[in-house]
């Protein structure tokens, strides 16, 4: 059977010679072979109509076994995770490849907390050096240093809209910050 794979926007990404018993693994492997999906950190979902090709299910199971079936590829961001360290750094890791893609260096003390902004474009660290830093997730560049705590900053969290940050430090101190102005 021939299946056309479209982007979520309707752009044709690949035309695959597929078998009805193919699972998500085989479809994604064919997508990688065709060059329509980048191998590093590749994560995706395949849809046919309103049905998702779940792990273990086949194209036939979701009604995509007929010649000329159209599949929709939904690319998902790579699974990234952050770690804080006593050496004064935080690191960004690709969970799929186990590679460190960025190291955030600049604190004078242990980093206790590290979080992504809601849109994933920024990283926030909280440190024993009494500061919090905002970093570009893409470049690792320090965008802003927040000062004002008189003790180690233990944790930091973004507001749901990413415009504010709440930090906590020793001695029951909490502060609310504007991301734009500090």
C-alpha atoms as a PDB file:
ATOM      1  CA  UNK A   1       0.000   0.000   0.000  1.00  0.00           C
ATOM      2  CA  UNK A   2       1.044   3.595  -0.513  1.00  0.00           C
ATOM      3  CA  UNK A   3       0.498   6.108   2.271  1.00  0.00           C
ATOM      4  CA  UNK A   4       1.051   9.837   2.004  1.00  0.00           C
ATOM      5  CA  UNK A   5       2.385  11.490   5.139  1.00  0.00           C
ATOM      6  CA  UNK A   6       1.371  15.111   5.635  1.00  0.00           C
ATOM      7  CA  UNK A   7       2.512  17.719   8.123  1.00  0.00           C
ATOM      8  CA  UNK A   8      -0.083  19.101  10.481  1.00  0.00           C
ATOM      9  CA  UNK A   9      -0.273  22.068   8.079  1.00  0.00           C
ATOM     10  CA  UNK A  10      -1.089  19.805   5.109  1.00  0.00           C
ATOM     11  CA  UNK A  11       2.359  19.830   3.444  1.00  0.00           C
ATOM     12  CA  UNK A  12       3.338  16.485   1.896  1.00  0.00           C
ATOM     13  CA  UNK A  13       6.357  15.148   3.752  1.00  0.00           C
ATOM     14  CA  UNK A  14       6.727  11.658   2.305  1.00  0.00           C
ATOM     15  CA  UNK A  15       5.065   8.974   0.261  1.00  0.00           C
ATOM     16  CA  UNK A  16       5.661   5.605   1.905  1.00  0.00           C
ATOM     17  CA  UNK A  17       5.279   2.055   0.636  1.00  0.00           C
ATOM     18  CA  UNK A  18       3.848   0.676   3.821  1.00  0.00           C
ATOM     19  CA  UNK A  19       2.347  -2.600   4.958  1.00  0.00           C
ATOM     20  CA  UNK A  20      -0.954  -2.737   6.847  1.00  0.00           C
ATOM     21  CA  UNK A  21       0.741  -4.446   9.816  1.00  0.00           C
ATOM     22  CA  UNK A  22       3.290  -1.641  10.294  1.00  0.00           C
ATOM     23  CA  UNK A  23       3.385  -0.148  13.779  1.00  0.00           C
ATOM     24  CA  UNK A  24       4.490   3.322  14.801  1.00  0.00           C
ATOM     25  CA  UNK A  25       8.083   2.073  14.938  1.00  0.00           C
ATOM     26  CA  UNK A  26       8.073   0.992  11.273  1.00  0.00           C
ATOM     27  CA  UNK A  27       6.337   4.156  10.091  1.00  0.00           C
ATOM     28  CA  UNK A  28       8.826   6.390  11.937  1.00  0.00           C
ATOM     29  CA  UNK A  29      11.762   4.297  10.648  1.00  0.00           C
ATOM     30  CA  UNK A  30      10.501   4.773   7.078  1.00  0.00           C
ATOM     31  CA  UNK A  31      10.127   8.499   7.771  1.00  0.00           C
ATOM     32  CA  UNK A  32      13.738   8.637   8.990  1.00  0.00           C
ATOM     33  CA  UNK A  33      14.903   6.731   5.893  1.00  0.00           C
ATOM     34  CA  UNK A  34      13.046   9.168   3.632  1.00  0.00           C
ATOM     35  CA  UNK A  35      14.635  12.178   5.364  1.00  0.00           C
ATOM     36  CA  UNK A  36      11.267  13.602   6.421  1.00  0.00           C
ATOM     37  CA  UNK A  37      12.099  13.219  10.108  1.00  0.00           C
ATOM     38  CA  UNK A  38      15.393  14.228  11.723  1.00  0.00           C
ATOM     39  CA  UNK A  39      16.995  11.381  13.697  1.00  0.00           C
ATOM     40  CA  UNK A  40      18.309  13.325  16.672  1.00  0.00           C
ATOM     41  CA  UNK A  41      15.676  13.351  19.367  1.00  0.00           C
ATOM     42  CA  UNK A  42      12.987  12.399  16.857  1.00  0.00           C
ATOM     43  CA  UNK A  43       9.608  12.117  18.534  1.00  0.00           C
ATOM     44  CA  UNK A  44       6.344  12.096  16.684  1.00  0.00           C
ATOM     45  CA  UNK A  45       2.789  10.910  16.565  1.00  0.00           C
ATOM     46  CA  UNK A  46       1.026   9.568  13.503  1.00  0.00           C
ATOM     47  CA  UNK A  47      -2.677  10.262  13.010  1.00  0.00           C
ATOM     48  CA  UNK A  48      -5.219   8.912  10.533  1.00  0.00           C
ATOM     49  CA  UNK A  49      -8.464  10.829  10.697  1.00  0.00           C
ATOM     50  CA  UNK A  50      -9.067  11.295  14.401  1.00  0.00           C
ATOM     51  CA  UNK A  51      -7.172   8.168  15.430  1.00  0.00           C
ATOM     52  CA  UNK A  52      -3.618   8.050  16.751  1.00  0.00           C
ATOM     53  CA  UNK A  53      -1.269   5.212  15.860  1.00  0.00           C
ATOM     54  CA  UNK A  54      -0.459   4.075  19.387  1.00  0.00           C
ATOM     55  CA  UNK A  55       2.485   1.876  20.358  1.00  0.00           C
ATOM     56  CA  UNK A  56       1.660  -1.710  19.442  1.00  0.00           C
ATOM     57  CA  UNK A  57      -1.206  -0.772  17.093  1.00  0.00           C
ATOM     58  CA  UNK A  58      -0.915  -1.242  13.338  1.00  0.00           C
ATOM     59  CA  UNK A  59      -1.945   0.931  10.413  1.00  0.00           C
ATOM     60  CA  UNK A  60      -4.787  -1.557   9.819  1.00  0.00           C
ATOM     61  CA  UNK A  61      -5.964  -1.055  13.418  1.00  0.00           C
ATOM     62  CA  UNK A  62      -6.587   2.651  12.775  1.00  0.00           C
ATOM     63  CA  UNK A  63      -8.157   2.134   9.351  1.00  0.00           C
ATOM     64  CA  UNK A  64      -5.131   3.243   7.348  1.00  0.00           C
ATOM     65  CA  UNK A  65      -4.561  -0.028   5.454  1.00  0.00           C
ATOM     66  CA  UNK A  66      -6.060   1.077   2.130  1.00  0.00           C
ATOM     67  CA  UNK A  67      -3.917   2.295  -0.758  1.00  0.00           C
ATOM     68  CA  UNK A  68      -3.776   6.069  -0.829  1.00  0.00           C
ATOM     69  CA  UNK A  69      -4.306   6.466   2.908  1.00  0.00           C
ATOM     70  CA  UNK A  70      -3.261   9.801   4.338  1.00  0.00           C
ATOM     71  CA  UNK A  71      -1.369   9.948   7.589  1.00  0.00           C
ATOM     72  CA  UNK A  72      -0.621  13.117   9.535  1.00  0.00           C
ATOM     73  CA  UNK A  73       2.745  13.491  11.237  1.00  0.00           C
ATOM     74  CA  UNK A  74       2.778  15.543  14.415  1.00  0.00           C
ATOM     75  CA  UNK A  75       6.367  16.334  15.384  1.00  0.00           C
ATOM     76  CA  UNK A  76       6.920  16.577  19.111  1.00  0.00           C
ATOM     77  CA  UNK A  77       9.752  18.428  20.812  1.00  0.00           C
ATOM     78  CA  UNK A  78      12.649  16.305  22.041  1.00  0.00           C
ATOM     79  CA  UNK A  79      12.531  15.171  25.632  1.00  0.00           C
ATOM     80  CA  UNK A  80      14.876  17.506  27.415  1.00  0.00           C
ATOM     81  CA  UNK A  81      15.582  17.598  31.105  1.00  0.00           C
ATOM     82  CA  UNK A  82      17.500  19.872  33.413  1.00  0.00           C
ATOM     83  CA  UNK A  83      19.816  19.053  36.295  1.00  0.00           C
ATOM     84  CA  UNK A  84      21.181  21.285  39.062  1.00  0.00           C
ATOM     85  CA  UNK A  85      24.624  20.721  40.522  1.00  0.00           C
ATOM     86  CA  UNK A  86      26.758  21.507  43.555  1.00  0.00           C
ATOM     87  CA  UNK A  87      29.521  22.671  41.175  1.00  0.00           C
ATOM     88  CA  UNK A  88      27.537  25.880  40.449  1.00  0.00           C
ATOM     89  CA  UNK A  89      26.206  24.754  37.077  1.00  0.00           C
ATOM     90  CA  UNK A  90      22.985  23.478  35.605  1.00  0.00           C
ATOM     91  CA  UNK A  91      22.828  21.240  32.550  1.00  0.00           C
ATOM     92  CA  UNK A  92      20.364  20.641  29.740  1.00  0.00           C
ATOM     93  CA  UNK A  93      20.185  16.998  28.623  1.00  0.00           C
ATOM     94  CA  UNK A  94      18.509  15.302  25.696  1.00  0.00           C
ATOM     95  CA  UNK A  95      16.780  12.364  27.373  1.00  0.00           C
ATOM     96  CA  UNK A  96      16.634  10.385  24.139  1.00  0.00           C
ATOM     97  CA  UNK A  97      20.356  10.540  23.361  1.00  0.00           C
ATOM     98  CA  UNK A  98      21.637  11.115  26.942  1.00  0.00           C
ATOM     99  CA  UNK A  99      23.789  13.958  25.593  1.00  0.00           C
ATOM    100  CA  UNK A 100      24.403  17.201  27.468  1.00  0.00           C
ATOM    101  CA  UNK A 101      23.420  19.906  25.006  1.00  0.00           C
ATOM    102  CA  UNK A 102      24.181  22.927  27.186  1.00  0.00           C
ATOM    103  CA  UNK A 103      25.876  23.836  30.454  1.00  0.00           C
ATOM    104  CA  UNK A 104      24.741  26.961  32.288  1.00  0.00           C
ATOM    105  CA  UNK A 105      27.805  28.367  34.050  1.00  0.00           C
ATOM    106  CA  UNK A 106      27.932  31.536  36.128  1.00  0.00           C
ATOM    107  CA  UNK A 107      26.794  30.942  39.687  1.00  0.00           C
ATOM    108  CA  UNK A 108      29.297  31.313  42.546  1.00  0.00           C
ATOM    109  CA  UNK A 109      27.619  28.577  44.592  1.00  0.00           C
ATOM    110  CA  UNK A 110      25.644  25.376  44.292  1.00  0.00           C
ATOM    111  CA  UNK A 111      22.574  25.429  42.054  1.00  0.00           C
ATOM    112  CA  UNK A 112      19.584  24.114  44.004  1.00  0.00           C
ATOM    113  CA  UNK A 113      16.780  24.457  41.480  1.00  0.00           C
ATOM    114  CA  UNK A 114      16.439  24.662  37.700  1.00  0.00           C
ATOM    115  CA  UNK A 115      13.242  24.921  35.627  1.00  0.00           C
ATOM    116  CA  UNK A 116      12.089  25.593  32.067  1.00  0.00           C
ATOM    117  CA  UNK A 117       9.893  28.573  31.228  1.00  0.00           C
ATOM    118  CA  UNK A 118       6.375  27.546  30.122  1.00  0.00           C
ATOM    119  CA  UNK A 119       7.309  27.956  26.437  1.00  0.00           C
ATOM    120  CA  UNK A 120      10.643  26.147  26.889  1.00  0.00           C
ATOM    121  CA  UNK A 121      12.714  29.046  25.559  1.00  0.00           C
ATOM    122  CA  UNK A 122      14.297  30.001  28.891  1.00  0.00           C
ATOM    123  CA  UNK A 123      15.834  28.282  31.886  1.00  0.00           C
ATOM    124  CA  UNK A 124      15.781  29.630  35.435  1.00  0.00           C
ATOM    125  CA  UNK A 125      18.324  28.658  38.093  1.00  0.00           C
ATOM    126  CA  UNK A 126      18.307  29.297  41.847  1.00  0.00           C
ATOM    127  CA  UNK A 127      21.576  29.237  43.762  1.00  0.00           C
ATOM    128  CA  UNK A 128      23.386  29.178  47.056  1.00  0.00           C
ATOM    129  CA  UNK A 129      25.048  32.447  45.941  1.00  0.00           C
ATOM    130  CA  UNK A 130      21.765  34.285  46.803  1.00  0.00           C
ATOM    131  CA  UNK A 131      20.910  34.862  43.116  1.00  0.00           C
ATOM    132  CA  UNK A 132      18.648  33.526  40.435  1.00  0.00           C
ATOM    133  CA  UNK A 133      19.638  33.567  36.753  1.00  0.00           C
ATOM    134  CA  UNK A 134      17.580  33.520  33.563  1.00  0.00           C
ATOM    135  CA  UNK A 135      19.222  31.728  30.616  1.00  0.00           C
ATOM    136  CA  UNK A 136      18.487  31.194  26.944  1.00  0.00           C
ATOM    137  CA  UNK A 137      17.691  27.496  26.550  1.00  0.00           C
ATOM    138  CA  UNK A 138      18.900  27.628  22.930  1.00  0.00           C
ATOM    139  CA  UNK A 139      22.280  29.329  23.455  1.00  0.00           C
ATOM    140  CA  UNK A 140      23.071  28.921  27.164  1.00  0.00           C
ATOM    141  CA  UNK A 141      23.613  32.684  27.437  1.00  0.00           C
ATOM    142  CA  UNK A 142      22.784  34.328  30.773  1.00  0.00           C
ATOM    143  CA  UNK A 143      20.027  36.849  30.028  1.00  0.00           C
ATOM    144  CA  UNK A 144      19.551  38.317  33.490  1.00  0.00           C
ATOM    145  CA  UNK A 145      20.745  37.909  37.070  1.00  0.00           C
ATOM    146  CA  UNK A 146      18.203  38.575  39.800  1.00  0.00           C
ATOM    147  CA  UNK A 147      19.638  39.818  43.103  1.00  0.00           C
ATOM    148  CA  UNK A 148      17.869  40.763  46.307  1.00  0.00           C
ATOM    149  CA  UNK A 149      17.755  37.675  48.502  1.00  0.00           C
ATOM    150  CA  UNK A 150      19.932  37.768  51.631  1.00  0.00           C
ATOM    151  CA  UNK A 151      20.252  33.999  51.831  1.00  0.00           C
ATOM    152  CA  UNK A 152      20.510  31.047  49.438  1.00  0.00           C
ATOM    153  CA  UNK A 153      17.712  30.859  46.868  1.00  0.00           C
ATOM    154  CA  UNK A 154      16.285  27.362  47.254  1.00  0.00           C
ATOM    155  CA  UNK A 155      13.688  27.237  44.499  1.00  0.00           C
ATOM    156  CA  UNK A 156      12.224  29.196  41.607  1.00  0.00           C
ATOM    157  CA  UNK A 157       9.092  28.768  39.514  1.00  0.00           C
ATOM    158  CA  UNK A 158       7.576  30.560  36.522  1.00  0.00           C
ATOM    159  CA  UNK A 159       4.009  31.829  36.460  1.00  0.00           C
ATOM    160  CA  UNK A 160       1.864  29.985  33.877  1.00  0.00           C
ATOM    161  CA  UNK A 161       2.244  32.880  31.391  1.00  0.00           C
ATOM    162  CA  UNK A 162       6.027  33.029  31.926  1.00  0.00           C
ATOM    163  CA  UNK A 163       5.948  36.736  32.809  1.00  0.00           C
ATOM    164  CA  UNK A 164       6.725  36.388  36.508  1.00  0.00           C
ATOM    165  CA  UNK A 165       8.950  34.251  38.708  1.00  0.00           C
ATOM    166  CA  UNK A 166       8.450  33.254  42.328  1.00  0.00           C
ATOM    167  CA  UNK A 167      11.564  32.471  44.362  1.00  0.00           C
ATOM    168  CA  UNK A 168      12.005  31.155  47.879  1.00  0.00           C
ATOM    169  CA  UNK A 169      15.028  31.380  50.112  1.00  0.00           C
ATOM    170  CA  UNK A 170      16.029  30.509  53.630  1.00  0.00           C
ATOM    171  CA  UNK A 171      14.269  32.215  56.533  1.00  0.00           C
ATOM    172  CA  UNK A 172      10.794  31.861  54.952  1.00  0.00           C
ATOM    173  CA  UNK A 173      11.444  34.550  52.332  1.00  0.00           C
ATOM    174  CA  UNK A 174       9.535  34.510  49.038  1.00  0.00           C
ATOM    175  CA  UNK A 175       9.827  37.079  46.272  1.00  0.00           C
ATOM    176  CA  UNK A 176       7.816  37.711  43.128  1.00  0.00           C
ATOM    177  CA  UNK A 177       9.814  39.032  40.166  1.00  0.00           C
ATOM    178  CA  UNK A 178       9.016  40.389  36.721  1.00  0.00           C
ATOM    179  CA  UNK A 179      10.933  38.375  34.120  1.00  0.00           C
ATOM    180  CA  UNK A 180      11.199  41.460  31.885  1.00  0.00           C
ATOM    181  CA  UNK A 181      12.512  43.921  34.463  1.00  0.00           C
ATOM    182  CA  UNK A 182      13.748  41.888  37.405  1.00  0.00           C
END
